[in-house]
Amino acid sequence: MILRFEQRGDYIRDVFKSGQQRGEVVHSSQLDTYSYFYVYEVYSFMNKNRMTISIVIIDKGDFTELHACSSGGGAGLMFNFDWGAASGFEENIRLIFKNRGIPFQNING
């Protein structure tokens, strides 16, 4: 999932961090002045497993992109389906910005 914003990266980071209520930050780093990288770990009750979601906030000058990619979340030895847990987590990220009235473009996913 890639979301594009017209605001600066530090503002998008602050809004995301203040609205993110699921999961625990297991890694955070600053890539440059306004760009950031976070890894959240979440327990999914839907599939009874832990999953991670990596967030990269990239300030490109005229706009900022938030890239989100989830992993894990599958249960079982042979069949590793996340049963929608990853897309649900990504939807929560969209809702953080929708609920604050911050417009964005959904670039893909």
N, C-alpha and C. Protein backbone atom coordinates (compact mmCIF):
# COMPACT_ATOMS: atom_id res chain seq x y z
N MET A 1 0.85 -1.17 0.00
CA MET A 1 0.00 0.00 0.00
C MET A 1 0.90 1.24 0.00
N ILE A 2 0.58 2.17 -0.85
CA ILE A 2 1.29 3.45 -0.88
C ILE A 2 0.26 4.57 -0.83
N LEU A 3 0.43 5.46 0.14
CA LEU A 3 -0.42 6.64 0.26
C LEU A 3 0.44 7.87 -0.01
N ARG A 4 -0.10 8.83 -0.77
CA ARG A 4 0.63 10.05 -1.08
C ARG A 4 -0.08 11.25 -0.46
N PHE A 5 0.70 12.08 0.22
CA PHE A 5 0.20 13.26 0.93
C PHE A 5 0.88 14.51 0.42
N GLU A 6 0.24 15.65 0.62
CA GLU A 6 0.85 16.92 0.24
C GLU A 6 1.64 17.54 1.39
N GLN A 7 1.56 16.97 2.58
CA GLN A 7 2.25 17.50 3.75
C GLN A 7 3.67 16.93 3.85
N ARG A 8 4.47 17.59 4.68
CA ARG A 8 5.84 17.16 4.91
C ARG A 8 5.90 15.86 5.71
N GLY A 9 6.98 15.13 5.58
CA GLY A 9 7.12 13.82 6.20
C GLY A 9 7.04 13.82 7.71
N ASP A 10 7.59 14.86 8.36
CA ASP A 10 7.53 14.88 9.83
C ASP A 10 6.10 15.06 10.33
N TYR A 11 5.28 15.80 9.59
CA TYR A 11 3.88 15.96 9.96
C TYR A 11 3.12 14.64 9.80
N ILE A 12 3.35 13.95 8.67
CA ILE A 12 2.71 12.66 8.43
C ILE A 12 3.12 11.66 9.51
N ARG A 13 4.40 11.66 9.87
CA ARG A 13 4.89 10.80 10.94
C ARG A 13 4.17 11.07 12.25
N ASP A 14 4.05 12.33 12.61
CA ASP A 14 3.40 12.69 13.88
C ASP A 14 1.94 12.27 13.91
N VAL A 15 1.23 12.48 12.80
CA VAL A 15 -0.17 12.07 12.72
C VAL A 15 -0.28 10.55 12.82
N PHE A 16 0.56 9.85 12.09
CA PHE A 16 0.54 8.39 12.12
C PHE A 16 0.82 7.87 13.53
N LYS A 17 1.87 8.38 14.16
CA LYS A 17 2.24 7.89 15.50
C LYS A 17 1.16 8.20 16.53
N SER A 18 0.52 9.36 16.43
CA SER A 18 -0.52 9.71 17.40
C SER A 18 -1.80 8.90 17.19
N GLY A 19 -2.03 8.43 15.96
CA GLY A 19 -3.25 7.68 15.68
C GLY A 19 -3.08 6.17 15.73
N GLN A 20 -1.84 5.69 15.67
CA GLN A 20 -1.58 4.26 15.65
C GLN A 20 -1.77 3.68 17.05
N GLN A 21 -2.76 2.80 17.18
CA GLN A 21 -3.05 2.22 18.48
C GLN A 21 -2.85 0.71 18.51
N ARG A 22 -2.62 0.12 17.36
CA ARG A 22 -2.39 -1.33 17.30
C ARG A 22 -0.90 -1.61 17.24
N GLY A 23 -0.48 -2.60 17.98
CA GLY A 23 0.87 -3.09 17.84
C GLY A 23 1.89 -2.38 18.71
N GLU A 24 3.08 -2.92 18.62
CA GLU A 24 4.22 -2.44 19.40
C GLU A 24 5.34 -2.12 18.42
N VAL A 25 5.98 -0.98 18.60
CA VAL A 25 7.09 -0.60 17.74
C VAL A 25 8.29 -1.47 18.12
N VAL A 26 8.79 -2.24 17.15
CA VAL A 26 9.97 -3.06 17.40
C VAL A 26 11.21 -2.45 16.74
N HIS A 27 11.02 -1.48 15.86
CA HIS A 27 12.14 -0.77 15.26
C HIS A 27 11.65 0.60 14.79
N SER A 28 12.48 1.60 15.01
CA SER A 28 12.21 2.92 14.43
C SER A 28 13.54 3.58 14.11
N SER A 29 13.58 4.27 12.99
CA SER A 29 14.78 5.00 12.61
C SER A 29 14.41 6.16 11.71
N GLN A 30 15.28 7.15 11.68
CA GLN A 30 15.10 8.31 10.82
C GLN A 30 16.06 8.16 9.65
N LEU A 31 15.51 8.18 8.43
CA LEU A 31 16.32 7.96 7.24
C LEU A 31 17.04 9.22 6.79
N ASP A 32 16.35 10.34 6.86
CA ASP A 32 16.95 11.64 6.60
C ASP A 32 16.10 12.68 7.32
N THR A 33 16.18 13.93 6.96
CA THR A 33 15.53 14.99 7.72
C THR A 33 14.05 14.75 7.96
N TYR A 34 13.29 14.35 6.94
CA TYR A 34 11.85 14.18 7.09
C TYR A 34 11.35 12.79 6.69
N SER A 35 12.23 11.80 6.61
CA SER A 35 11.85 10.45 6.20
C SER A 35 12.15 9.46 7.32
N TYR A 36 11.24 8.47 7.49
CA TYR A 36 11.29 7.60 8.66
C TYR A 36 10.96 6.15 8.28
N PHE A 37 11.41 5.23 9.15
CA PHE A 37 11.13 3.81 8.97
C PHE A 37 10.70 3.22 10.31
N TYR A 38 9.57 2.49 10.31
CA TYR A 38 9.04 1.85 11.52
C TYR A 38 8.65 0.41 11.22
N VAL A 39 8.82 -0.45 12.20
CA VAL A 39 8.30 -1.81 12.12
C VAL A 39 7.43 -2.02 13.36
N TYR A 40 6.18 -2.38 13.12
CA TYR A 40 5.23 -2.68 14.19
C TYR A 40 4.98 -4.18 14.20
N GLU A 41 4.82 -4.72 15.40
CA GLU A 41 4.45 -6.12 15.55
C GLU A 41 3.09 -6.16 16.22
N VAL A 42 2.20 -7.00 15.68
CA VAL A 42 0.82 -7.06 16.15
C VAL A 42 0.41 -8.52 16.30
N TYR A 43 -0.34 -8.80 17.33
CA TYR A 43 -0.93 -10.12 17.45
C TYR A 43 -2.30 -10.07 16.77
N SER A 44 -2.52 -10.98 15.84
CA SER A 44 -3.78 -11.03 15.10
C SER A 44 -4.67 -12.11 15.71
N PHE A 45 -5.79 -11.72 16.28
CA PHE A 45 -6.74 -12.68 16.83
C PHE A 45 -7.43 -13.46 15.71
N MET A 46 -7.51 -12.84 14.53
CA MET A 46 -8.19 -13.47 13.41
C MET A 46 -7.53 -14.79 13.01
N ASN A 47 -6.20 -14.80 13.00
CA ASN A 47 -5.50 -16.03 12.62
C ASN A 47 -4.59 -16.56 13.72
N LYS A 48 -4.69 -15.99 14.91
CA LYS A 48 -3.96 -16.45 16.09
C LYS A 48 -2.46 -16.54 15.83
N ASN A 49 -1.91 -15.45 15.35
CA ASN A 49 -0.50 -15.40 15.04
C ASN A 49 -0.02 -13.95 15.10
N ARG A 50 1.29 -13.78 15.18
CA ARG A 50 1.86 -12.44 15.16
C ARG A 50 2.19 -12.07 13.72
N MET A 51 2.06 -10.79 13.44
CA MET A 51 2.42 -10.28 12.13
C MET A 51 3.15 -8.96 12.32
N THR A 52 3.87 -8.55 11.30
CA THR A 52 4.55 -7.26 11.35
C THR A 52 4.06 -6.41 10.19
N ILE A 53 4.17 -5.13 10.39
CA ILE A 53 3.91 -4.20 9.29
C ILE A 53 5.05 -3.18 9.30
N SER A 54 5.66 -3.02 8.15
CA SER A 54 6.75 -2.07 7.99
C SER A 54 6.21 -0.81 7.35
N ILE A 55 6.56 0.31 7.92
CA ILE A 55 6.10 1.62 7.45
C ILE A 55 7.32 2.44 7.07
N VAL A 56 7.34 2.94 5.84
CA VAL A 56 8.38 3.87 5.41
C VAL A 56 7.70 5.15 5.00
N ILE A 57 8.10 6.25 5.61
CA ILE A 57 7.56 7.57 5.28
C ILE A 57 8.67 8.32 4.56
N ILE A 58 8.44 8.63 3.29
CA ILE A 58 9.47 9.23 2.45
C ILE A 58 9.03 10.62 2.03
N ASP A 59 9.77 11.62 2.47
CA ASP A 59 9.50 13.00 2.07
C ASP A 59 10.23 13.25 0.76
N LYS A 60 9.46 13.58 -0.28
CA LYS A 60 10.05 13.79 -1.61
C LYS A 60 10.02 15.26 -2.03
N GLY A 61 9.92 16.14 -1.06
CA GLY A 61 9.93 17.57 -1.36
C GLY A 61 8.54 18.11 -1.61
N ASP A 62 7.96 17.83 -2.77
CA ASP A 62 6.63 18.33 -3.11
C ASP A 62 5.51 17.50 -2.48
N PHE A 63 5.82 16.27 -2.10
CA PHE A 63 4.83 15.40 -1.49
C PHE A 63 5.54 14.37 -0.62
N THR A 64 4.76 13.65 0.17
CA THR A 64 5.28 12.59 1.04
C THR A 64 4.54 11.31 0.72
N GLU A 65 5.27 10.20 0.69
CA GLU A 65 4.64 8.90 0.51
C GLU A 65 4.81 8.07 1.77
N LEU A 66 3.73 7.35 2.11
CA LEU A 66 3.77 6.39 3.20
C LEU A 66 3.62 5.01 2.56
N HIS A 67 4.65 4.19 2.69
CA HIS A 67 4.63 2.82 2.16
C HIS A 67 4.40 1.88 3.34
N ALA A 68 3.46 0.97 3.20
CA ALA A 68 3.17 -0.01 4.25
C ALA A 68 3.18 -1.40 3.63
N CYS A 69 3.88 -2.32 4.31
CA CYS A 69 3.96 -3.69 3.83
C CYS A 69 3.88 -4.61 5.05
N SER A 70 2.93 -5.54 5.02
CA SER A 70 2.78 -6.46 6.14
C SER A 70 3.38 -7.81 5.79
N SER A 71 3.77 -8.53 6.83
CA SER A 71 4.32 -9.87 6.63
C SER A 71 3.94 -10.73 7.83
N GLY A 72 4.10 -12.03 7.65
CA GLY A 72 3.70 -12.96 8.71
C GLY A 72 2.19 -13.07 8.71
N GLY A 73 1.65 -13.45 9.81
CA GLY A 73 0.21 -13.50 9.94
C GLY A 73 -0.42 -14.80 9.51
N GLY A 74 0.34 -15.69 8.86
CA GLY A 74 -0.22 -16.98 8.47
C GLY A 74 -0.22 -17.95 9.63
N ALA A 75 -1.14 -18.88 9.62
CA ALA A 75 -1.21 -19.89 10.66
C ALA A 75 -1.17 -21.27 10.03
N GLY A 76 -0.48 -22.18 10.66
CA GLY A 76 -0.44 -23.54 10.16
C GLY A 76 0.83 -23.84 9.41
N LEU A 77 1.13 -25.13 9.27
CA LEU A 77 2.35 -25.55 8.59
C LEU A 77 2.21 -25.54 7.07
N MET A 78 1.06 -25.97 6.58
CA MET A 78 0.91 -26.09 5.12
C MET A 78 0.19 -24.89 4.50
N PHE A 79 -0.77 -24.35 5.20
CA PHE A 79 -1.59 -23.28 4.64
C PHE A 79 -1.37 -22.01 5.44
N ASN A 80 -0.69 -21.05 4.84
CA ASN A 80 -0.40 -19.80 5.53
C ASN A 80 -1.23 -18.68 4.94
N PHE A 81 -2.48 -18.60 5.37
CA PHE A 81 -3.37 -17.53 4.94
C PHE A 81 -3.48 -16.52 6.08
N ASP A 82 -3.52 -15.26 5.73
CA ASP A 82 -3.68 -14.28 6.80
C ASP A 82 -5.14 -13.91 7.03
N TRP A 83 -6.06 -14.46 6.25
CA TRP A 83 -7.50 -14.26 6.42
C TRP A 83 -7.90 -12.79 6.51
N GLY A 84 -7.18 -11.93 5.82
CA GLY A 84 -7.54 -10.51 5.77
C GLY A 84 -6.92 -9.66 6.86
N ALA A 85 -6.10 -10.25 7.71
CA ALA A 85 -5.51 -9.49 8.82
C ALA A 85 -4.63 -8.36 8.30
N ALA A 86 -3.84 -8.62 7.26
CA ALA A 86 -2.94 -7.59 6.73
C ALA A 86 -3.72 -6.44 6.12
N SER A 87 -4.75 -6.75 5.34
CA SER A 87 -5.53 -5.68 4.73
C SER A 87 -6.29 -4.89 5.79
N GLY A 88 -6.70 -5.56 6.87
CA GLY A 88 -7.36 -4.85 7.97
C GLY A 88 -6.42 -3.88 8.65
N PHE A 89 -5.17 -4.28 8.82
CA PHE A 89 -4.18 -3.40 9.43
C PHE A 89 -3.93 -2.21 8.52
N GLU A 90 -3.82 -2.45 7.21
CA GLU A 90 -3.61 -1.35 6.28
C GLU A 90 -4.80 -0.39 6.27
N GLU A 91 -6.00 -0.93 6.38
CA GLU A 91 -7.19 -0.06 6.43
C GLU A 91 -7.16 0.82 7.67
N ASN A 92 -6.66 0.30 8.79
CA ASN A 92 -6.52 1.11 10.00
C ASN A 92 -5.60 2.30 9.77
N ILE A 93 -4.56 2.10 8.97
CA ILE A 93 -3.64 3.20 8.66
C ILE A 93 -4.37 4.27 7.85
N ARG A 94 -5.15 3.85 6.86
CA ARG A 94 -5.93 4.82 6.08
C ARG A 94 -6.88 5.61 6.99
N LEU A 95 -7.51 4.91 7.92
CA LEU A 95 -8.48 5.55 8.82
C LEU A 95 -7.84 6.60 9.72
N ILE A 96 -6.59 6.41 10.08
CA ILE A 96 -5.89 7.42 10.89
C ILE A 96 -5.96 8.77 10.19
N PHE A 97 -5.69 8.77 8.89
CA PHE A 97 -5.66 10.02 8.14
C PHE A 97 -7.06 10.48 7.74
N LYS A 98 -7.95 9.55 7.41
CA LYS A 98 -9.33 9.92 7.09
C LYS A 98 -10.00 10.59 8.29
N ASN A 99 -9.81 10.02 9.48
CA ASN A 99 -10.43 10.56 10.69
C ASN A 99 -9.90 11.93 11.06
N ARG A 100 -8.70 12.26 10.66
CA ARG A 100 -8.11 13.58 10.91
C ARG A 100 -8.40 14.56 9.77
N GLY A 101 -9.08 14.08 8.72
CA GLY A 101 -9.41 14.95 7.59
C GLY A 101 -8.21 15.30 6.73
N ILE A 102 -7.21 14.44 6.71
CA ILE A 102 -6.01 14.69 5.91
C ILE A 102 -6.16 13.97 4.57
N PRO A 103 -6.23 14.72 3.48
CA PRO A 103 -6.42 14.09 2.17
C PRO A 103 -5.16 13.35 1.72
N PHE A 104 -5.38 12.24 1.01
CA PHE A 104 -4.28 11.47 0.46
C PHE A 104 -4.75 10.76 -0.80
N GLN A 105 -3.79 10.36 -1.61
CA GLN A 105 -4.04 9.55 -2.79
C GLN A 105 -3.61 8.13 -2.45
N ASN A 106 -4.43 7.17 -2.81
CA ASN A 106 -4.07 5.77 -2.66
C ASN A 106 -3.38 5.37 -3.96
N ILE A 107 -2.05 5.26 -3.96
CA ILE A 107 -1.29 5.03 -5.18
C ILE A 107 -1.46 3.60 -5.67
N ASN A 108 -1.39 2.63 -4.77
CA ASN A 108 -1.66 1.24 -5.14
C ASN A 108 -2.11 0.47 -3.91
N GLY A 109 -2.87 -0.57 -4.12
CA GLY A 109 -3.33 -1.43 -3.01
C GLY A 109 -4.34 -0.81 -2.11
